[in-house]
Amino acid sequence: MNNKTLAFYNKNAKAFAEETAFVDFKETQDKFINILQGKRVLDFGCGAGRDSKYFVEAGLDVVAIDGSAELCQIAESYVGIPVQQMLFQELDDRSRYDGIWACSSILHLPKEELRSVLMKMLNALTDNGIIYTSFKYGEFEGERNGRYFTDFTYESFCEFIRDIKGIAIEEYWYTGDVRPGREDQKWLNLLLRKTSL
């Protein structure tokens, strides 16, 4: 994630938390929980901690990280677990998680960095582990509203991961933005499965 994007989240952490922490995301959270084959989950870019809190309350063993120091503090007090400040590129675990939740987070990476981070995510998963991730729908890549975004359609994402070994799309679906007043913004949601090479 570039410095400008991190600076945006540090500066706007409180407003971002207020905007996202209490949004009802239960349907997607439950979809993820229901196909998990274990309990250890990485919330990869946890923001204000909404999803970490839900997963902890569902009995999962959650590790939460975010690149923004301000959001880490907010999430830690909200969820009640330690939240580590870490960049996506710093992930270096091996076969540690049954699932990685990357909700509206890795979309801030340029495609070149996103490819290597996806590989790191696969390495961090146990066999048959799953990833949930989401991107704004479209073909745009670049800076928008003070942050860097990489958008995808289902077709462009398929093309993007075509040469990444050990990853399969289990399910995809489109949704509107769950935040009030943004319902017309479209999102691509993906459940990815780690496969044997």
N, C-alpha and C. Protein backbone atom coordinates (compact mmCIF):
# COMPACT_ATOMS: atom_id res chain seq x y z
N MET A 1 0.85 -1.19 0.00
CA MET A 1 0.00 0.00 0.00
C MET A 1 0.89 1.24 0.00
N ASN A 2 0.54 2.21 -0.85
CA ASN A 2 1.44 3.36 -0.94
C ASN A 2 1.25 4.31 0.25
N ASN A 3 2.24 5.17 0.44
CA ASN A 3 2.26 6.07 1.60
C ASN A 3 1.06 7.00 1.62
N LYS A 4 0.60 7.41 0.45
CA LYS A 4 -0.52 8.33 0.37
C LYS A 4 -1.80 7.67 0.90
N THR A 5 -1.99 6.41 0.53
CA THR A 5 -3.17 5.66 0.99
C THR A 5 -3.12 5.48 2.50
N LEU A 6 -1.97 5.12 3.02
CA LEU A 6 -1.82 4.97 4.48
C LEU A 6 -2.05 6.29 5.19
N ALA A 7 -1.52 7.37 4.62
CA ALA A 7 -1.70 8.70 5.22
C ALA A 7 -3.19 9.06 5.26
N PHE A 8 -3.91 8.68 4.21
CA PHE A 8 -5.35 8.93 4.18
C PHE A 8 -6.05 8.24 5.35
N TYR A 9 -5.72 6.96 5.56
CA TYR A 9 -6.39 6.21 6.63
C TYR A 9 -5.97 6.70 8.02
N ASN A 10 -4.72 7.08 8.17
CA ASN A 10 -4.29 7.62 9.46
C ASN A 10 -5.01 8.94 9.77
N LYS A 11 -5.14 9.77 8.74
CA LYS A 11 -5.77 11.08 8.93
C LYS A 11 -7.28 10.95 9.17
N ASN A 12 -7.90 9.98 8.49
CA ASN A 12 -9.37 9.86 8.52
C ASN A 12 -9.85 8.65 9.30
N ALA A 13 -9.00 8.11 10.18
CA ALA A 13 -9.31 6.85 10.87
C ALA A 13 -10.63 6.90 11.63
N LYS A 14 -10.84 7.98 12.37
CA LYS A 14 -12.05 8.07 13.20
C LYS A 14 -13.31 8.10 12.33
N ALA A 15 -13.29 8.92 11.29
CA ALA A 15 -14.45 9.02 10.40
C ALA A 15 -14.68 7.70 9.67
N PHE A 16 -13.59 7.06 9.23
CA PHE A 16 -13.69 5.77 8.53
C PHE A 16 -14.28 4.71 9.46
N ALA A 17 -13.83 4.70 10.71
CA ALA A 17 -14.34 3.74 11.69
C ALA A 17 -15.84 3.94 11.90
N GLU A 18 -16.24 5.19 12.04
CA GLU A 18 -17.66 5.49 12.27
C GLU A 18 -18.51 5.08 11.07
N GLU A 19 -17.92 5.17 9.88
CA GLU A 19 -18.65 4.86 8.65
C GLU A 19 -18.78 3.35 8.41
N THR A 20 -17.82 2.58 8.91
CA THR A 20 -17.77 1.15 8.54
C THR A 20 -18.01 0.17 9.68
N ALA A 21 -17.75 0.57 10.92
CA ALA A 21 -17.72 -0.40 12.02
C ALA A 21 -19.06 -1.09 12.28
N PHE A 22 -20.16 -0.39 12.03
CA PHE A 22 -21.46 -0.94 12.40
C PHE A 22 -22.31 -1.36 11.21
N VAL A 23 -21.70 -1.38 10.03
CA VAL A 23 -22.41 -1.83 8.84
C VAL A 23 -22.71 -3.32 8.96
N ASP A 24 -23.91 -3.74 8.56
CA ASP A 24 -24.29 -5.15 8.62
C ASP A 24 -23.68 -5.90 7.44
N PHE A 25 -22.72 -6.75 7.74
CA PHE A 25 -22.02 -7.51 6.70
C PHE A 25 -22.18 -9.02 6.95
N LYS A 26 -23.22 -9.36 7.72
CA LYS A 26 -23.40 -10.72 8.24
C LYS A 26 -23.49 -11.80 7.14
N GLU A 27 -24.19 -11.49 6.08
CA GLU A 27 -24.39 -12.49 5.03
C GLU A 27 -23.05 -12.96 4.46
N THR A 28 -22.17 -12.01 4.16
CA THR A 28 -20.87 -12.36 3.59
C THR A 28 -19.96 -12.98 4.66
N GLN A 29 -19.99 -12.45 5.87
CA GLN A 29 -19.19 -13.02 6.96
C GLN A 29 -19.57 -14.49 7.20
N ASP A 30 -20.87 -14.77 7.21
CA ASP A 30 -21.33 -16.14 7.45
C ASP A 30 -20.96 -17.07 6.30
N LYS A 31 -21.00 -16.55 5.09
CA LYS A 31 -20.62 -17.35 3.92
C LYS A 31 -19.17 -17.82 4.06
N PHE A 32 -18.32 -16.91 4.53
CA PHE A 32 -16.90 -17.21 4.76
C PHE A 32 -16.75 -18.24 5.89
N ILE A 33 -17.42 -18.00 7.02
CA ILE A 33 -17.33 -18.91 8.17
C ILE A 33 -17.79 -20.32 7.79
N ASN A 34 -18.85 -20.40 6.99
CA ASN A 34 -19.46 -21.70 6.69
C ASN A 34 -18.60 -22.60 5.81
N ILE A 35 -17.64 -22.02 5.09
CA ILE A 35 -16.79 -22.92 4.28
C ILE A 35 -15.38 -23.05 4.87
N LEU A 36 -15.15 -22.42 6.01
CA LEU A 36 -13.86 -22.59 6.70
C LEU A 36 -13.70 -24.03 7.16
N GLN A 37 -12.50 -24.57 7.02
CA GLN A 37 -12.24 -25.94 7.49
C GLN A 37 -11.39 -25.94 8.75
N GLY A 38 -11.44 -24.85 9.47
CA GLY A 38 -10.69 -24.72 10.72
C GLY A 38 -11.10 -23.42 11.37
N LYS A 39 -10.35 -22.99 12.37
CA LYS A 39 -10.77 -21.81 13.13
C LYS A 39 -9.79 -20.65 13.09
N ARG A 40 -8.63 -20.86 12.48
CA ARG A 40 -7.62 -19.81 12.53
C ARG A 40 -7.75 -18.89 11.32
N VAL A 41 -8.02 -17.62 11.60
CA VAL A 41 -8.32 -16.66 10.53
C VAL A 41 -7.42 -15.43 10.66
N LEU A 42 -6.94 -14.95 9.51
CA LEU A 42 -6.21 -13.68 9.44
C LEU A 42 -7.13 -12.64 8.86
N ASP A 43 -7.40 -11.57 9.61
CA ASP A 43 -8.13 -10.42 9.09
C ASP A 43 -7.08 -9.47 8.52
N PHE A 44 -6.97 -9.50 7.20
CA PHE A 44 -5.84 -8.92 6.47
C PHE A 44 -6.21 -7.51 6.00
N GLY A 45 -5.94 -6.53 6.86
CA GLY A 45 -6.39 -5.17 6.61
C GLY A 45 -7.71 -4.98 7.32
N CYS A 46 -7.66 -5.04 8.64
CA CYS A 46 -8.88 -5.16 9.45
C CYS A 46 -9.64 -3.85 9.62
N GLY A 47 -9.02 -2.72 9.22
CA GLY A 47 -9.72 -1.45 9.37
C GLY A 47 -10.09 -1.20 10.83
N ALA A 48 -11.34 -0.83 11.06
CA ALA A 48 -11.80 -0.50 12.41
C ALA A 48 -12.14 -1.73 13.25
N GLY A 49 -12.05 -2.93 12.62
CA GLY A 49 -12.22 -4.16 13.40
C GLY A 49 -13.60 -4.80 13.35
N ARG A 50 -14.48 -4.29 12.48
CA ARG A 50 -15.84 -4.83 12.40
C ARG A 50 -15.86 -6.35 12.21
N ASP A 51 -15.11 -6.83 11.23
CA ASP A 51 -15.16 -8.25 10.90
C ASP A 51 -14.41 -9.10 11.93
N SER A 52 -13.29 -8.59 12.42
CA SER A 52 -12.57 -9.31 13.49
C SER A 52 -13.48 -9.55 14.68
N LYS A 53 -14.23 -8.51 15.05
CA LYS A 53 -15.14 -8.63 16.20
C LYS A 53 -16.19 -9.72 15.95
N TYR A 54 -16.75 -9.73 14.75
CA TYR A 54 -17.76 -10.73 14.40
C TYR A 54 -17.17 -12.14 14.48
N PHE A 55 -15.96 -12.29 13.95
CA PHE A 55 -15.33 -13.62 13.92
C PHE A 55 -14.94 -14.09 15.32
N VAL A 56 -14.43 -13.17 16.14
CA VAL A 56 -14.10 -13.53 17.53
C VAL A 56 -15.37 -13.99 18.26
N GLU A 57 -16.45 -13.25 18.06
CA GLU A 57 -17.71 -13.62 18.72
C GLU A 57 -18.29 -14.91 18.19
N ALA A 58 -17.88 -15.30 16.98
CA ALA A 58 -18.32 -16.58 16.40
C ALA A 58 -17.42 -17.75 16.84
N GLY A 59 -16.41 -17.43 17.68
CA GLY A 59 -15.56 -18.49 18.22
C GLY A 59 -14.31 -18.80 17.41
N LEU A 60 -13.98 -17.93 16.45
CA LEU A 60 -12.79 -18.16 15.64
C LEU A 60 -11.55 -17.60 16.34
N ASP A 61 -10.41 -18.14 15.97
CA ASP A 61 -9.11 -17.69 16.47
C ASP A 61 -8.58 -16.67 15.47
N VAL A 62 -8.67 -15.40 15.82
CA VAL A 62 -8.43 -14.31 14.86
C VAL A 62 -7.10 -13.61 15.10
N VAL A 63 -6.34 -13.44 14.02
CA VAL A 63 -5.18 -12.56 14.01
C VAL A 63 -5.55 -11.37 13.13
N ALA A 64 -5.42 -10.16 13.67
CA ALA A 64 -5.83 -8.96 12.92
C ALA A 64 -4.62 -8.08 12.65
N ILE A 65 -4.52 -7.60 11.42
CA ILE A 65 -3.44 -6.67 11.07
C ILE A 65 -4.00 -5.53 10.23
N ASP A 66 -3.33 -4.39 10.29
CA ASP A 66 -3.65 -3.28 9.40
C ASP A 66 -2.40 -2.42 9.23
N GLY A 67 -2.31 -1.72 8.11
CA GLY A 67 -1.15 -0.87 7.87
C GLY A 67 -1.22 0.47 8.57
N SER A 68 -2.44 0.88 8.94
CA SER A 68 -2.63 2.19 9.57
C SER A 68 -2.51 2.08 11.09
N ALA A 69 -1.57 2.81 11.66
CA ALA A 69 -1.37 2.78 13.11
C ALA A 69 -2.62 3.27 13.84
N GLU A 70 -3.28 4.29 13.27
CA GLU A 70 -4.48 4.84 13.90
C GLU A 70 -5.62 3.81 13.91
N LEU A 71 -5.81 3.11 12.79
CA LEU A 71 -6.87 2.11 12.72
C LEU A 71 -6.56 0.91 13.61
N CYS A 72 -5.28 0.57 13.74
CA CYS A 72 -4.89 -0.53 14.65
C CYS A 72 -5.35 -0.23 16.07
N GLN A 73 -5.13 1.00 16.51
CA GLN A 73 -5.54 1.40 17.88
C GLN A 73 -7.05 1.33 18.05
N ILE A 74 -7.78 1.83 17.05
CA ILE A 74 -9.25 1.81 17.11
C ILE A 74 -9.74 0.36 17.14
N ALA A 75 -9.20 -0.48 16.25
CA ALA A 75 -9.64 -1.88 16.17
C ALA A 75 -9.32 -2.63 17.45
N GLU A 76 -8.15 -2.38 18.01
CA GLU A 76 -7.74 -3.08 19.23
C GLU A 76 -8.72 -2.80 20.38
N SER A 77 -9.10 -1.56 20.53
CA SER A 77 -10.01 -1.24 21.63
C SER A 77 -11.42 -1.73 21.32
N TYR A 78 -11.80 -1.76 20.05
CA TYR A 78 -13.14 -2.21 19.66
C TYR A 78 -13.30 -3.72 19.77
N VAL A 79 -12.27 -4.46 19.31
CA VAL A 79 -12.37 -5.92 19.26
C VAL A 79 -11.92 -6.58 20.56
N GLY A 80 -10.91 -5.96 21.22
CA GLY A 80 -10.41 -6.54 22.46
C GLY A 80 -9.34 -7.59 22.26
N ILE A 81 -8.70 -7.59 21.08
CA ILE A 81 -7.54 -8.46 20.83
C ILE A 81 -6.40 -7.59 20.32
N PRO A 82 -5.15 -8.06 20.42
CA PRO A 82 -4.04 -7.28 19.87
C PRO A 82 -4.20 -7.14 18.35
N VAL A 83 -3.90 -5.97 17.83
CA VAL A 83 -3.93 -5.74 16.39
C VAL A 83 -2.56 -5.26 15.97
N GLN A 84 -1.95 -5.98 15.04
CA GLN A 84 -0.58 -5.69 14.65
C GLN A 84 -0.53 -4.72 13.48
N GLN A 85 0.32 -3.70 13.58
CA GLN A 85 0.53 -2.81 12.44
C GLN A 85 1.51 -3.48 11.49
N MET A 86 1.05 -3.73 10.27
CA MET A 86 1.87 -4.47 9.30
C MET A 86 1.38 -4.16 7.90
N LEU A 87 2.31 -4.07 6.97
CA LEU A 87 1.95 -3.89 5.57
C LEU A 87 1.66 -5.25 4.94
N PHE A 88 0.82 -5.27 3.93
CA PHE A 88 0.48 -6.54 3.27
C PHE A 88 1.73 -7.27 2.77
N GLN A 89 2.68 -6.48 2.26
CA GLN A 89 3.89 -7.07 1.67
C GLN A 89 4.76 -7.77 2.71
N GLU A 90 4.50 -7.51 4.00
CA GLU A 90 5.33 -8.09 5.06
C GLU A 90 4.83 -9.46 5.53
N LEU A 91 3.72 -9.92 5.00
CA LEU A 91 3.20 -11.24 5.39
C LEU A 91 4.22 -12.31 5.04
N ASP A 92 4.56 -13.13 6.03
CA ASP A 92 5.61 -14.13 5.80
C ASP A 92 5.31 -15.44 6.52
N ASP A 93 4.03 -15.71 6.77
CA ASP A 93 3.65 -16.94 7.46
C ASP A 93 3.59 -18.11 6.48
N ARG A 94 3.71 -19.31 7.04
CA ARG A 94 3.62 -20.53 6.24
C ARG A 94 2.57 -21.45 6.85
N SER A 95 1.56 -21.82 6.05
CA SER A 95 0.54 -22.81 6.45
C SER A 95 -0.03 -22.52 7.84
N ARG A 96 -0.34 -21.26 8.12
CA ARG A 96 -0.76 -20.88 9.46
C ARG A 96 -2.27 -20.67 9.60
N TYR A 97 -2.92 -20.25 8.51
CA TYR A 97 -4.33 -19.85 8.61
C TYR A 97 -5.23 -20.77 7.79
N ASP A 98 -6.43 -21.01 8.32
CA ASP A 98 -7.44 -21.76 7.58
C ASP A 98 -8.20 -20.84 6.63
N GLY A 99 -8.20 -19.57 6.96
CA GLY A 99 -8.86 -18.59 6.10
C GLY A 99 -8.22 -17.21 6.24
N ILE A 100 -8.22 -16.47 5.14
CA ILE A 100 -7.75 -15.07 5.17
C ILE A 100 -8.90 -14.20 4.68
N TRP A 101 -9.25 -13.24 5.49
CA TRP A 101 -10.33 -12.30 5.18
C TRP A 101 -9.68 -11.00 4.76
N ALA A 102 -9.86 -10.62 3.49
CA ALA A 102 -9.25 -9.39 2.96
C ALA A 102 -10.34 -8.53 2.34
N CYS A 103 -11.20 -8.02 3.20
CA CYS A 103 -12.38 -7.27 2.76
C CYS A 103 -12.00 -5.82 2.44
N SER A 104 -12.16 -5.43 1.19
CA SER A 104 -11.89 -4.05 0.77
C SER A 104 -10.51 -3.57 1.22
N SER A 105 -9.52 -4.46 1.15
CA SER A 105 -8.20 -4.10 1.68
C SER A 105 -7.10 -4.19 0.62
N ILE A 106 -6.91 -5.38 0.06
CA ILE A 106 -5.81 -5.53 -0.91
C ILE A 106 -6.12 -4.82 -2.22
N LEU A 107 -7.32 -4.28 -2.35
CA LEU A 107 -7.65 -3.48 -3.53
C LEU A 107 -6.84 -2.19 -3.61
N HIS A 108 -6.12 -1.86 -2.51
CA HIS A 108 -5.29 -0.65 -2.52
C HIS A 108 -3.89 -0.91 -3.09
N LEU A 109 -3.63 -2.14 -3.51
CA LEU A 109 -2.31 -2.47 -4.07
C LEU A 109 -2.31 -2.35 -5.59
N PRO A 110 -1.25 -1.82 -6.17
CA PRO A 110 -1.10 -1.89 -7.62
C PRO A 110 -1.02 -3.36 -8.05
N LYS A 111 -1.42 -3.66 -9.28
CA LYS A 111 -1.49 -5.07 -9.72
C LYS A 111 -0.17 -5.81 -9.52
N GLU A 112 0.92 -5.14 -9.79
CA GLU A 112 2.23 -5.79 -9.67
C GLU A 112 2.47 -6.27 -8.23
N GLU A 113 2.14 -5.42 -7.26
CA GLU A 113 2.31 -5.80 -5.85
C GLU A 113 1.24 -6.79 -5.41
N LEU A 114 0.04 -6.62 -5.95
CA LEU A 114 -1.07 -7.51 -5.58
C LEU A 114 -0.75 -8.95 -5.94
N ARG A 115 -0.10 -9.16 -7.07
CA ARG A 115 0.24 -10.53 -7.49
C ARG A 115 1.15 -11.21 -6.45
N SER A 116 2.19 -10.51 -6.01
CA SER A 116 3.12 -11.12 -5.05
C SER A 116 2.46 -11.28 -3.68
N VAL A 117 1.57 -10.35 -3.30
CA VAL A 117 0.87 -10.46 -2.02
C VAL A 117 -0.09 -11.65 -2.05
N LEU A 118 -0.77 -11.86 -3.16
CA LEU A 118 -1.65 -13.04 -3.28
C LEU A 118 -0.86 -14.33 -3.09
N MET A 119 0.34 -14.38 -3.64
CA MET A 119 1.19 -15.57 -3.46
C MET A 119 1.58 -15.74 -2.00
N LYS A 120 1.88 -14.65 -1.32
CA LYS A 120 2.19 -14.71 0.11
C LYS A 120 0.97 -15.20 0.90
N MET A 121 -0.22 -14.76 0.49
CA MET A 121 -1.45 -15.20 1.15
C MET A 121 -1.64 -16.71 0.98
N LEU A 122 -1.38 -17.20 -0.21
CA LEU A 122 -1.49 -18.65 -0.46
C LEU A 122 -0.50 -19.42 0.42
N ASN A 123 0.72 -18.91 0.54
CA ASN A 123 1.73 -19.56 1.39
C ASN A 123 1.29 -19.59 2.85
N ALA A 124 0.57 -18.55 3.27
CA ALA A 124 0.15 -18.44 4.67
C ALA A 124 -1.04 -19.34 5.01
N LEU A 125 -1.71 -19.87 3.96
CA LEU A 125 -2.87 -20.72 4.18
C LEU A 125 -2.49 -22.18 4.37
N THR A 126 -3.31 -22.89 5.14
CA THR A 126 -3.20 -24.34 5.22
C THR A 126 -3.77 -24.93 3.93
N ASP A 127 -3.58 -26.23 3.72
CA ASP A 127 -4.13 -26.89 2.53
C ASP A 127 -5.65 -26.69 2.48
N ASN A 128 -6.15 -26.36 1.29
CA ASN A 128 -7.59 -26.10 1.09
C ASN A 128 -8.09 -24.87 1.82
N GLY A 129 -7.18 -24.03 2.29
CA GLY A 129 -7.58 -22.79 2.95
C GLY A 129 -8.31 -21.87 1.99
N ILE A 130 -9.04 -20.90 2.55
CA ILE A 130 -9.82 -20.01 1.70
C ILE A 130 -9.46 -18.54 1.94
N ILE A 131 -9.70 -17.76 0.90
CA ILE A 131 -9.54 -16.30 0.96
C ILE A 131 -10.86 -15.68 0.57
N TYR A 132 -11.33 -14.71 1.37
CA TYR A 132 -12.40 -13.84 0.89
C TYR A 132 -11.76 -12.49 0.59
N THR A 133 -12.09 -11.94 -0.56
CA THR A 133 -11.61 -10.59 -0.87
C THR A 133 -12.63 -9.87 -1.73
N SER A 134 -12.51 -8.56 -1.78
CA SER A 134 -13.46 -7.77 -2.56
C SER A 134 -12.76 -6.58 -3.21
N PHE A 135 -13.27 -6.25 -4.38
CA PHE A 135 -12.73 -5.14 -5.17
C PHE A 135 -13.89 -4.31 -5.70
N LYS A 136 -13.65 -3.02 -5.88
CA LYS A 136 -14.64 -2.23 -6.59
C LYS A 136 -14.73 -2.75 -8.02
N TYR A 137 -15.94 -2.77 -8.55
CA TYR A 137 -16.18 -3.33 -9.88
C TYR A 137 -15.77 -2.35 -10.97
N GLY A 138 -14.94 -2.84 -11.89
CA GLY A 138 -14.54 -1.99 -13.01
C GLY A 138 -13.14 -2.35 -13.49
N GLU A 139 -12.57 -1.46 -14.28
CA GLU A 139 -11.25 -1.70 -14.87
C GLU A 139 -10.23 -0.63 -14.47
N PHE A 140 -10.62 0.23 -13.55
CA PHE A 140 -9.76 1.36 -13.17
C PHE A 140 -8.59 0.89 -12.30
N GLU A 141 -7.43 1.50 -12.53
CA GLU A 141 -6.31 1.33 -11.61
C GLU A 141 -5.61 2.68 -11.47
N GLY A 142 -5.49 3.15 -10.22
CA GLY A 142 -4.83 4.43 -10.00
C GLY A 142 -5.40 5.12 -8.76
N GLU A 143 -5.09 6.40 -8.64
CA GLU A 143 -5.51 7.13 -7.45
C GLU A 143 -6.93 7.68 -7.61
N ARG A 144 -7.71 7.51 -6.53
CA ARG A 144 -9.09 8.02 -6.53
C ARG A 144 -9.42 8.44 -5.10
N ASN A 145 -9.88 9.66 -4.94
CA ASN A 145 -10.25 10.17 -3.60
C ASN A 145 -9.13 10.01 -2.57
N GLY A 146 -7.90 10.28 -2.98
CA GLY A 146 -6.79 10.27 -2.04
C GLY A 146 -6.20 8.91 -1.73
N ARG A 147 -6.69 7.87 -2.41
CA ARG A 147 -6.18 6.52 -2.18
C ARG A 147 -5.95 5.80 -3.50
N TYR A 148 -5.10 4.79 -3.49
CA TYR A 148 -4.83 4.00 -4.69
C TYR A 148 -5.82 2.84 -4.75
N PHE A 149 -6.39 2.60 -5.92
CA PHE A 149 -7.33 1.49 -6.10
C PHE A 149 -6.98 0.67 -7.33
N THR A 150 -7.16 -0.65 -7.21
CA THR A 150 -7.17 -1.54 -8.36
C THR A 150 -8.55 -2.19 -8.41
N ASP A 151 -9.29 -1.89 -9.48
CA ASP A 151 -10.64 -2.45 -9.65
C ASP A 151 -10.58 -3.68 -10.55
N PHE A 152 -11.57 -4.56 -10.40
CA PHE A 152 -11.66 -5.75 -11.25
C PHE A 152 -13.11 -6.05 -11.61
N THR A 153 -13.28 -6.66 -12.78
CA THR A 153 -14.49 -7.42 -13.09
C THR A 153 -14.14 -8.89 -12.86
N TYR A 154 -15.13 -9.76 -12.87
CA TYR A 154 -14.83 -11.19 -12.72
C TYR A 154 -13.88 -11.64 -13.82
N GLU A 155 -14.14 -11.19 -15.06
CA GLU A 155 -13.32 -11.63 -16.19
C GLU A 155 -11.88 -11.14 -16.06
N SER A 156 -11.71 -9.88 -15.65
CA SER A 156 -10.34 -9.36 -15.55
C SER A 156 -9.60 -10.01 -14.38
N PHE A 157 -10.33 -10.37 -13.32
CA PHE A 157 -9.66 -11.05 -12.20
C PHE A 157 -9.23 -12.46 -12.61
N CYS A 158 -10.09 -13.16 -13.35
CA CYS A 158 -9.71 -14.49 -13.87
C CYS A 158 -8.43 -14.41 -14.68
N GLU A 159 -8.34 -13.40 -15.52
CA GLU A 159 -7.15 -13.20 -16.36
C GLU A 159 -5.94 -12.89 -15.48
N PHE A 160 -6.16 -12.07 -14.44
CA PHE A 160 -5.09 -11.65 -13.55
C PHE A 160 -4.45 -12.84 -12.81
N ILE A 161 -5.26 -13.81 -12.38
CA ILE A 161 -4.72 -14.94 -11.60
C ILE A 161 -4.40 -16.17 -12.47
N ARG A 162 -4.55 -16.03 -13.78
CA ARG A 162 -4.40 -17.18 -14.68
C ARG A 162 -3.08 -17.91 -14.49
N ASP A 163 -2.01 -17.17 -14.26
CA ASP A 163 -0.69 -17.82 -14.14
C ASP A 163 -0.22 -17.93 -12.68
N ILE A 164 -1.13 -17.73 -11.72
CA ILE A 164 -0.78 -17.95 -10.31
C ILE A 164 -1.17 -19.37 -9.95
N LYS A 165 -0.20 -20.18 -9.62
CA LYS A 165 -0.47 -21.59 -9.33
C LYS A 165 -1.06 -21.75 -7.93
N GLY A 166 -1.96 -22.71 -7.78
CA GLY A 166 -2.47 -23.06 -6.46
C GLY A 166 -3.63 -22.22 -5.99
N ILE A 167 -4.35 -21.58 -6.94
CA ILE A 167 -5.48 -20.75 -6.54
C ILE A 167 -6.66 -21.04 -7.47
N ALA A 168 -7.85 -21.16 -6.90
CA ALA A 168 -9.05 -21.39 -7.70
C ALA A 168 -10.17 -20.52 -7.16
N ILE A 169 -11.00 -20.02 -8.08
CA ILE A 169 -12.17 -19.23 -7.65
C ILE A 169 -13.28 -20.21 -7.29
N GLU A 170 -13.66 -20.20 -6.04
CA GLU A 170 -14.74 -21.08 -5.56
C GLU A 170 -16.11 -20.46 -5.84
N GLU A 171 -16.20 -19.16 -5.67
CA GLU A 171 -17.48 -18.47 -5.87
C GLU A 171 -17.21 -16.98 -6.06
N TYR A 172 -18.07 -16.35 -6.84
CA TYR A 172 -18.00 -14.88 -6.94
C TYR A 172 -19.41 -14.34 -7.02
N TRP A 173 -19.59 -13.11 -6.58
CA TRP A 173 -20.88 -12.46 -6.67
C TRP A 173 -20.69 -10.95 -6.60
N TYR A 174 -21.67 -10.25 -7.09
CA TYR A 174 -21.63 -8.78 -7.08
C TYR A 174 -22.60 -8.25 -6.03
N THR A 175 -22.21 -7.17 -5.38
CA THR A 175 -23.09 -6.52 -4.41
C THR A 175 -23.02 -5.01 -4.59
N GLY A 176 -24.01 -4.32 -4.06
CA GLY A 176 -23.95 -2.87 -3.94
C GLY A 176 -23.18 -2.54 -2.67
N ASP A 177 -22.71 -1.31 -2.55
CA ASP A 177 -22.02 -0.89 -1.33
C ASP A 177 -23.01 -0.90 -0.16
N VAL A 178 -22.58 -1.44 0.98
CA VAL A 178 -23.49 -1.56 2.13
C VAL A 178 -23.58 -0.26 2.94
N ARG A 179 -22.76 0.72 2.63
CA ARG A 179 -22.80 1.97 3.38
C ARG A 179 -23.93 2.87 2.85
N PRO A 180 -24.66 3.51 3.74
CA PRO A 180 -25.79 4.37 3.34
C PRO A 180 -25.35 5.42 2.32
N GLY A 181 -26.16 5.55 1.27
CA GLY A 181 -25.89 6.55 0.25
C GLY A 181 -24.93 6.09 -0.84
N ARG A 182 -24.38 4.88 -0.69
CA ARG A 182 -23.42 4.41 -1.71
C ARG A 182 -23.92 3.14 -2.40
N GLU A 183 -25.21 2.87 -2.30
CA GLU A 183 -25.76 1.61 -2.80
C GLU A 183 -25.52 1.39 -4.29
N ASP A 184 -25.31 2.50 -5.02
CA ASP A 184 -25.11 2.36 -6.48
C ASP A 184 -23.69 1.96 -6.84
N GLN A 185 -22.78 1.94 -5.86
CA GLN A 185 -21.41 1.48 -6.13
C GLN A 185 -21.38 -0.04 -6.11
N LYS A 186 -20.79 -0.62 -7.15
CA LYS A 186 -20.83 -2.08 -7.31
C LYS A 186 -19.50 -2.71 -6.88
N TRP A 187 -19.60 -3.84 -6.22
CA TRP A 187 -18.42 -4.56 -5.73
C TRP A 187 -18.37 -5.98 -6.27
N LEU A 188 -17.15 -6.44 -6.56
CA LEU A 188 -16.90 -7.84 -6.90
C LEU A 188 -16.41 -8.54 -5.64
N ASN A 189 -17.15 -9.59 -5.22
CA ASN A 189 -16.78 -10.40 -4.06
C ASN A 189 -16.27 -11.75 -4.53
N LEU A 190 -15.20 -12.24 -3.91
CA LEU A 190 -14.58 -13.49 -4.35
C LEU A 190 -14.26 -14.40 -3.15
N LEU A 191 -14.57 -15.67 -3.30
CA LEU A 191 -14.06 -16.70 -2.40
C LEU A 191 -13.07 -17.53 -3.20
N LEU A 192 -11.83 -17.54 -2.75
CA LEU A 192 -10.74 -18.24 -3.45
C LEU A 192 -10.28 -19.41 -2.61
N ARG A 193 -9.95 -20.50 -3.25
CA ARG A 193 -9.51 -21.70 -2.54
C ARG A 193 -8.06 -22.01 -2.89
N LYS A 194 -7.28 -22.34 -1.89
CA LYS A 194 -5.90 -22.81 -2.13
C LYS A 194 -5.98 -24.25 -2.61
N THR A 195 -5.40 -24.52 -3.75
CA THR A 195 -5.44 -25.87 -4.32
C THR A 195 -4.04 -26.46 -4.33
N SER A 196 -3.97 -27.77 -4.43
CA SER A 196 -2.65 -28.40 -4.53
C SER A 196 -2.08 -28.13 -5.91
N LEU A 197 -0.78 -27.89 -5.94
CA LEU A 197 -0.13 -27.52 -7.22
C LEU A 197 -0.08 -28.71 -8.15
